[in-house]
Protein backbone atom coordinates (compact mmCIF):
# COMPACT_ATOMS: atom_id res chain seq x y z
CA MET A 1 -3.98 -13.51 23.28
CA ARG A 2 -3.97 -14.91 19.76
CA ARG A 3 -2.89 -18.50 19.25
CA PRO A 4 0.69 -18.87 18.03
CA ASN A 5 1.14 -20.40 14.61
CA THR A 6 4.22 -22.08 13.22
CA PRO A 7 3.66 -22.80 9.53
CA THR A 8 6.14 -25.15 7.95
CA HIS A 9 7.53 -24.95 4.42
CA THR A 10 9.03 -27.46 2.04
CA PRO A 11 10.42 -25.35 -0.82
CA THR A 12 11.51 -26.78 -4.12
CA HIS A 13 13.70 -24.79 -6.48
CA THR A 14 12.13 -23.49 -9.66
CA PRO A 15 14.39 -20.49 -10.35
CA THR A 16 11.81 -17.78 -10.95
CA HIS A 17 9.43 -15.57 -9.05
CA THR A 18 7.60 -14.71 -12.28
CA PRO A 19 4.14 -16.35 -12.56
CA ALA A 20 4.46 -19.64 -14.45
CA HIS A 21 0.92 -19.47 -15.82
CA THR A 22 -1.70 -17.05 -16.99
CA PRO A 23 -3.91 -15.55 -15.84
CA GLU A 24 -2.19 -14.39 -12.69
CA VAL A 25 -3.67 -15.34 -9.33
CA VAL A 26 -3.61 -12.33 -7.02
CA VAL A 27 -4.69 -11.70 -3.42
CA ILE A 28 -5.41 -8.14 -2.30
CA THR A 29 -6.18 -7.23 1.31
CA GLY A 30 -8.15 -4.07 1.96
CA ALA A 31 -9.69 -4.57 -1.49
CA SER A 32 -13.10 -3.03 -0.80
CA ALA A 33 -12.18 0.64 -1.33
CA GLY A 34 -9.44 3.16 -2.02
CA VAL A 35 -6.02 1.87 -3.03
CA GLY A 36 -6.96 -1.81 -2.76
CA ARG A 37 -9.96 -1.29 -5.03
CA ALA A 38 -7.83 0.61 -7.58
CA VAL A 39 -5.23 -2.18 -7.52
CA ALA A 40 -7.95 -4.77 -8.12
CA GLN A 41 -9.05 -2.84 -11.19
CA ALA A 42 -5.47 -2.59 -12.47
CA PHE A 43 -5.02 -6.37 -12.29
CA ALA A 44 -8.52 -7.07 -13.64
CA ARG A 45 -7.69 -5.15 -16.83
CA ARG A 46 -4.98 -7.78 -17.44
CA GLY A 47 -7.43 -10.64 -16.85
CA ALA A 48 -6.19 -11.67 -13.39
CA HIS A 49 -8.05 -13.97 -11.03
CA ILE A 50 -8.28 -12.05 -7.77
CA GLY A 51 -9.03 -12.92 -4.17
CA LEU A 52 -10.62 -9.81 -2.65
CA LEU A 53 -10.13 -9.61 1.12
CA ALA A 54 -11.71 -7.00 3.41
CA ARG A 55 -14.25 -6.73 6.21
CA GLY A 56 -17.04 -4.84 4.41
CA ASN A 57 -19.42 -6.81 2.20
CA ASP A 58 -20.79 -3.76 0.36
CA GLY A 59 -17.35 -2.67 -0.82
CA LEU A 60 -16.27 -6.22 -1.60
CA ASN A 61 -19.31 -6.80 -3.78
CA GLY A 62 -18.62 -3.54 -5.57
CA ALA A 63 -15.00 -4.57 -6.12
CA ARG A 64 -16.13 -7.93 -7.50
CA ASP A 65 -18.41 -6.17 -9.98
CA ASP A 66 -15.49 -3.95 -11.05
CA VAL A 67 -13.18 -6.92 -11.58
CA GLU A 68 -15.68 -8.92 -13.61
CA ARG A 69 -16.68 -5.88 -15.70
CA LEU A 70 -13.00 -5.27 -16.58
CA GLY A 71 -12.31 -8.84 -17.64
CA GLY A 72 -10.98 -10.57 -14.53
CA LYS A 73 -12.42 -13.11 -12.13
CA ALA A 74 -13.07 -12.37 -8.48
CA LEU A 75 -13.54 -14.30 -5.26
CA VAL A 76 -15.08 -12.27 -2.43
CA LEU A 77 -13.69 -13.19 0.99
CA PRO A 78 -14.91 -11.22 4.03
CA VAL A 79 -11.85 -11.35 6.29
CA ASP A 80 -10.48 -9.55 9.33
CA VAL A 81 -6.74 -9.54 8.57
CA SER A 82 -5.91 -9.14 12.26
CA GLU A 83 -6.96 -12.78 12.72
CA TRP A 84 -4.42 -15.33 11.42
CA GLU A 85 -6.94 -18.14 11.05
CA GLN A 86 -9.14 -16.04 8.77
CA VAL A 87 -6.22 -14.97 6.57
CA ASP A 88 -4.91 -18.53 6.28
CA ALA A 89 -8.37 -19.88 5.41
CA ALA A 90 -8.83 -17.16 2.78
CA ALA A 91 -5.53 -18.12 1.14
CA ASP A 92 -6.71 -21.74 0.98
CA ALA A 93 -9.98 -20.61 -0.62
CA VAL A 94 -8.16 -18.60 -3.29
CA GLU A 95 -5.91 -21.50 -4.24
CA GLU A 96 -8.83 -23.91 -4.29
CA ALA A 97 -10.73 -21.59 -6.66
CA PHE A 98 -7.94 -20.30 -8.89
CA GLY A 99 -4.74 -22.28 -8.30
CA PRO A 100 -1.36 -21.26 -6.81
CA ILE A 101 -1.07 -17.65 -5.70
CA ASP A 102 1.35 -15.59 -7.79
CA ILE A 103 1.08 -12.19 -6.13
CA TRP A 104 -0.05 -11.16 -2.64
CA ILE A 105 -0.64 -7.47 -1.89
CA ASN A 106 -0.86 -6.39 1.78
CA ASN A 107 -2.87 -3.19 1.81
CA ALA A 108 -5.46 -3.33 4.64
CA MET A 109 -5.32 -0.56 7.22
CA VAL A 110 -7.23 1.40 9.86
CA SER A 111 -6.20 4.53 11.70
CA VAL A 112 -7.16 7.04 14.37
CA PHE A 113 -6.63 10.78 14.04
CA SER A 114 -5.91 11.80 17.59
CA PRO A 115 -3.20 13.13 19.88
CA PHE A 116 -1.50 10.11 21.43
CA LYS A 117 -2.32 11.32 24.94
CA GLU A 118 -6.05 11.00 24.15
CA MET A 119 -5.94 7.52 22.60
CA THR A 120 -6.99 4.41 24.48
CA ALA A 121 -4.87 1.29 24.70
CA GLU A 122 -7.61 -0.64 22.85
CA GLU A 123 -7.55 1.80 19.93
CA PHE A 124 -3.79 1.62 19.61
CA GLU A 125 -3.89 -2.17 19.73
CA GLN A 126 -6.58 -2.33 17.03
CA VAL A 127 -4.67 -0.08 14.61
CA THR A 128 -1.53 -2.14 15.21
CA ALA A 129 -3.34 -5.45 14.79
CA VAL A 130 -4.96 -4.53 11.47
CA THR A 131 -2.28 -2.34 9.88
CA TYR A 132 0.84 -4.16 11.08
CA LEU A 133 -0.14 -7.69 12.08
CA GLY A 134 -2.40 -7.86 9.03
CA VAL A 135 0.73 -7.49 6.93
CA VAL A 136 2.59 -10.07 9.03
CA TYR A 137 -0.23 -12.61 8.67
CA GLY A 138 -0.67 -11.88 4.96
CA THR A 139 3.05 -12.36 4.36
CA GLN A 140 3.01 -15.55 6.41
CA ALA A 141 0.04 -16.95 4.48
CA ALA A 142 1.64 -16.06 1.15
CA LEU A 143 5.04 -17.55 2.00
CA LYS A 144 3.43 -20.71 3.33
CA ARG A 145 2.21 -21.36 -0.21
CA MET A 146 4.74 -19.60 -2.44
CA LEU A 147 7.80 -21.28 -0.93
CA ILE A 148 6.45 -24.66 -2.00
CA HIS A 149 6.83 -23.57 -5.63
CA ASP A 150 9.77 -21.22 -4.96
CA ARG A 151 8.14 -18.35 -6.82
CA GLY A 152 5.80 -15.44 -6.22
CA ALA A 153 5.81 -11.77 -5.26
CA ILE A 154 4.61 -10.08 -2.08
CA VAL A 155 3.97 -6.34 -2.12
CA GLN A 156 3.73 -4.39 1.13
CA VAL A 157 1.77 -1.17 0.70
CA GLY A 158 3.71 1.34 2.74
CA SER A 159 3.87 5.09 3.08
CA ALA A 160 6.25 7.99 3.45
CA LEU A 161 5.13 7.65 7.09
CA ALA A 162 7.09 4.39 7.27
CA TYR A 163 10.16 6.63 7.62
CA ARG A 164 8.80 10.01 8.78
CA GLY A 165 6.25 10.01 11.58
CA ILE A 166 3.74 12.86 11.76
CA PRO A 167 1.58 14.16 14.63
CA LEU A 168 -1.98 12.89 15.22
CA GLN A 169 -1.31 9.47 13.63
CA SER A 170 1.02 7.79 16.12
CA ALA A 171 -0.52 4.31 15.85
CA TYR A 172 -0.59 4.32 12.04
CA CYS A 173 2.95 5.73 11.75
CA GLY A 174 4.19 3.15 14.25
CA ALA A 175 2.58 0.34 12.26
CA LYS A 176 4.10 1.53 8.97
CA HIS A 177 7.54 1.82 10.59
CA ALA A 178 7.09 -1.73 11.89
CA ILE A 179 6.17 -3.02 8.43
CA GLN A 180 9.36 -1.49 7.04
CA GLY A 181 11.58 -3.25 9.59
CA PHE A 182 9.65 -6.52 9.31
CA THR A 183 9.96 -6.50 5.52
CA GLU A 184 13.71 -5.90 5.58
CA SER A 185 14.16 -8.77 8.04
CA VAL A 186 12.14 -11.27 6.01
CA ARG A 187 13.78 -10.15 2.77
CA CYS A 188 17.20 -10.93 4.24
CA GLU A 189 16.00 -14.40 5.23
CA LEU A 190 14.67 -15.07 1.72
CA LEU A 191 18.00 -13.99 0.24
CA HIS A 192 19.86 -16.22 2.70
CA ASP A 193 17.72 -19.17 1.64
CA ARG A 194 18.27 -18.31 -2.05
CA SER A 195 14.52 -18.18 -2.44
CA HIS A 196 12.97 -16.86 -5.66
CA VAL A 197 10.00 -15.42 -3.82
CA TRP A 198 10.30 -11.64 -4.09
CA LEU A 199 9.36 -9.19 -1.34
CA THR A 200 8.99 -5.49 -2.08
CA MET A 201 7.51 -2.38 -0.45
CA VAL A 202 5.83 0.61 -2.10
CA GLN A 203 6.00 3.89 -0.17
CA LEU A 204 2.99 6.04 -1.01
CA PRO A 205 2.20 9.76 -0.71
CA ALA A 206 -1.04 11.35 0.51
CA LEU A 207 -3.97 9.86 -1.41
CA ASN A 208 -7.58 10.75 -2.15
CA THR A 209 -9.24 7.67 -0.64
CA PRO A 210 -12.51 7.33 1.31
CA GLN A 211 -10.66 6.63 4.57
CA PHE A 212 -10.93 10.25 5.70
CA SER A 213 -14.72 10.00 5.87
CA TRP A 214 -14.76 6.85 8.01
CA VAL A 215 -11.51 6.91 10.01
CA LYS A 216 -11.94 7.50 13.75
CA SER A 217 -11.08 11.09 14.57
CA ARG A 218 -10.85 13.36 17.59
CA LEU A 219 -9.92 16.39 15.51
CA PRO A 220 -12.17 19.45 15.75
CA ASN A 221 -12.36 19.73 11.93
CA LYS A 222 -12.75 17.06 9.27
CA ALA A 223 -9.55 15.18 8.47
CA GLN A 224 -7.67 15.50 5.20
CA PRO A 225 -4.44 14.14 3.69
CA ILE A 226 -1.48 16.52 3.81
CA PRO A 227 -1.10 17.97 0.28
CA PRO A 228 0.05 17.28 -2.37
CA ILE A 229 -2.67 14.68 -2.85
CA TYR A 230 -2.65 11.94 -5.51
CA GLN A 231 -5.43 9.78 -6.87
CA PRO A 232 -5.44 6.10 -5.81
CA GLU A 233 -4.84 5.06 -9.43
CA VAL A 234 -1.33 6.50 -9.17
CA ALA A 235 -0.68 4.16 -6.25
CA ALA A 236 -2.22 1.26 -8.18
CA GLN A 237 0.12 1.86 -11.11
CA ALA A 238 3.11 1.75 -8.78
CA ILE A 239 1.91 -1.38 -6.97
CA TYR A 240 1.24 -3.24 -10.22
CA TYR A 241 4.71 -2.31 -11.45
CA ALA A 242 6.37 -3.33 -8.18
CA ALA A 243 4.67 -6.73 -8.31
CA HIS A 244 6.33 -7.41 -11.66
CA SER A 245 9.77 -5.87 -11.13
CA ASP A 246 12.84 -6.63 -9.04
CA ARG A 247 12.73 -3.38 -7.07
CA ARG A 248 13.24 -3.88 -3.34
CA GLU A 249 11.42 -0.60 -2.69
CA LEU A 250 9.55 2.00 -4.74
CA TYR A 251 8.92 5.62 -3.74
CA VAL A 252 5.80 7.23 -5.22
CA GLY A 253 5.47 11.01 -5.57
CA MET A 254 8.08 13.72 -5.05
CA SER A 255 6.56 14.49 -1.64
CA THR A 256 7.43 10.95 -0.54
CA VAL A 257 11.00 11.32 -1.78
CA ILE A 258 11.40 14.65 0.02
CA ALA A 259 9.90 13.31 3.26
CA ILE A 260 12.07 10.18 3.35
CA LEU A 261 15.35 11.74 2.22
CA GLY A 262 14.76 14.91 4.24
CA ASN A 263 14.23 12.84 7.38
CA LYS A 264 17.55 11.10 6.81
CA VAL A 265 19.38 14.43 6.45
CA ALA A 266 17.63 16.63 9.02
CA PRO A 267 15.16 14.72 11.20
CA GLY A 268 15.19 17.37 13.94
CA LEU A 269 14.17 20.04 11.45
CA GLY A 270 11.35 17.74 10.33
CA ASP A 271 10.18 17.38 13.94
CA ARG A 272 9.92 21.14 14.39
CA TYR A 273 8.33 21.75 11.00
CA LEU A 274 5.63 19.12 11.55
CA ALA A 275 5.02 20.30 15.10
CA ARG A 276 4.23 23.71 13.61
CA ILE A 277 2.13 22.74 10.58
CA GLY A 278 1.11 19.09 11.12
CA TYR A 279 -2.07 19.74 13.09
CA LYS A 280 -3.44 22.43 10.78
CA ARG A 281 -2.67 20.72 7.47
CA GLN A 282 -4.41 17.48 8.45
CA GLN A 283 -7.73 19.31 8.91
CA ILE A 284 -10.08 21.02 6.45
CA PRO A 285 -10.43 24.66 7.46
CA GLY A 286 -13.96 25.62 8.41
CA GLN A 287 -15.43 22.11 8.19
CA THR A 288 -16.28 21.01 11.71
CA GLU A 289 -16.25 17.29 12.37
CA GLN A 290 -19.62 15.80 13.25
CA ALA A 291 -19.79 14.93 16.93
CA GLY A 292 -20.12 11.19 17.51
CA ARG A 293 -19.55 10.26 13.87
CA LEU A 294 -19.17 6.50 13.46
CA SER A 295 -15.90 5.02 12.24
CA ASN A 296 -14.70 1.75 10.75
CA LEU A 297 -12.08 1.14 13.44
CA TRP A 298 -13.86 -1.85 14.96
CA GLU A 299 -16.16 -2.96 12.14
CA PRO A 300 -17.06 -1.85 8.60
CA LEU A 301 -19.67 0.82 8.01
CA ASP A 302 -21.91 -1.20 5.72
CA GLY A 303 -24.74 -3.69 5.64
CA THR A 304 -27.60 -2.95 8.01
CA ARG A 305 -25.42 -1.22 10.61
CA VAL A 306 -26.72 2.12 11.87
CA GLY A 307 -24.74 4.81 10.08
CA ALA A 308 -23.86 2.46 7.21
CA MET A 309 -22.06 4.17 4.34
CA GLY A 310 -22.30 1.37 1.79
CA ASP A 311 -19.89 0.96 -1.11
CA GLN A 312 -17.47 3.90 -1.07
CA GLY A 313 -15.54 3.05 -4.22
CA ILE A 314 -12.04 4.32 -4.90
CA HIS A 315 -12.01 8.08 -4.49
CA GLY A 316 -12.50 10.25 -1.44
CA ALA A 317 -13.74 13.84 -1.25
CA PHE A 318 -10.65 15.52 -2.72
CA ASP A 319 -10.96 14.92 -6.48
CA ARG A 320 -10.54 18.60 -7.32
CA ARG A 321 -7.24 18.76 -5.45
CA ALA A 322 -5.81 15.35 -6.38
CA HIS A 323 -3.21 14.70 -9.07
CA GLY A 324 -3.98 11.91 -11.53
CA HIS A 325 -0.33 11.46 -12.54
CA SER A 326 3.12 11.58 -10.96
CA ILE A 327 6.09 12.68 -13.05
CA GLN A 328 8.38 11.34 -10.32
CA LEU A 329 6.80 7.88 -10.59
CA TRP A 330 7.13 7.86 -14.38
CA LEU A 331 10.81 8.79 -14.12
CA ASN A 332 11.30 6.20 -11.38
CA ILE A 333 9.74 3.42 -13.43
CA HIS A 334 11.61 4.45 -16.58
CA ARG A 335 14.90 5.30 -14.90
CA PHE A 336 16.96 3.05 -17.22
CA PHE A 337 15.80 4.98 -20.26
CA LEU A 338 16.37 8.23 -18.37
CA VAL A 339 19.97 7.22 -17.69
CA VAL A 340 20.44 6.35 -21.38
CA ILE A 341 19.06 9.74 -22.40
CA LEU A 342 21.31 11.55 -19.94
CA VAL A 343 24.36 9.63 -21.18
CA VAL A 344 23.50 10.47 -24.79
CA LEU A 345 23.04 14.14 -23.89
CA ALA A 346 26.32 14.14 -21.99
CA ILE A 347 28.12 12.63 -24.99
CA ALA A 348 26.49 15.20 -27.25
CA VAL A 349 27.59 18.06 -24.97
CA VAL A 350 31.16 16.77 -24.76
CA THR A 351 31.31 16.18 -28.51
CA GLY A 352 29.89 19.62 -29.22
CA THR A 353 32.35 21.22 -26.82
CA PHE A 354 35.32 19.58 -28.52
CA ALA A 355 33.97 20.60 -31.92
CA LEU A 356 33.71 24.23 -30.80
CA LEU A 357 37.20 24.12 -29.33
CA ASN A 358 38.56 22.78 -32.64
CA LEU A 359 36.80 25.56 -34.53
CA TRP A 360 38.21 28.13 -32.08
CA HIS A 361 41.72 26.93 -32.71
């Protein structure tokens, strides 16, 4: 049983959640690979000072090199986000090195591809501890510091699976659903307190990250994301935008929109559809999974560990099938201008119609 913690806050009231200084001070969990690594690069291009949190030293060192090459500053912090004391200590280290934290991004995750009936209680607990409680502890550590200055932004990296569960990922889907409910609850409390700390969630589509080569799996074939697949840089663009906007939630990719809205309209149809195609589409046809392959469920696959994979970078094995852009995301981000364009077009149509009618008469 983990020790309970009851952080206390003494907020003042500076009416902004926008960073009051440059460069921005950012914390990213799960920063060693995939989405977290892409987000670190996105902030580094703007000169941010970044606390990089993850378990694997190889990936963290690679992320630090990326950040410094792109013009930012990095602090490497090997952390297991399922342990509150480690997360809290990492937040202290970031503020000691760079100053007050402006943005905290909760991204760390692990998963198991397996029918629920074949999972162990320990596996389910580990996925929940890292993927859900890691977000809880990250949010707690961020608020503990941000509320003092009454500013800052916290971004929860979510998924279409936060609303629509799929087969073979019960622990991960459960954790993402939990993050959604947790975030709504804390957001309401911040609004009640008239806090200027902003809390948002980004719901992502299937992504081409390295997780499919190291996630624990009981599937007969190698695991894959359900198409359409997007590159992690698309997610990074959305997360960077969300950290600097007032959106309470941001959907990324038309597949995410369809999954979330479709589940609200016809969840039973979604159950039957996924029961029919969900197993097959999460596996690569003809590519048998290696028996006894190591996973990163309990510890990272790096260093001197047997089966170490080293620095895996941002992309997984699906570059040829992954989209580097999302039209839906562009329209979502630029929706104000889209509305203006539609209004102008509507006025033009109405004006043209009246002109034709006048000519007719």
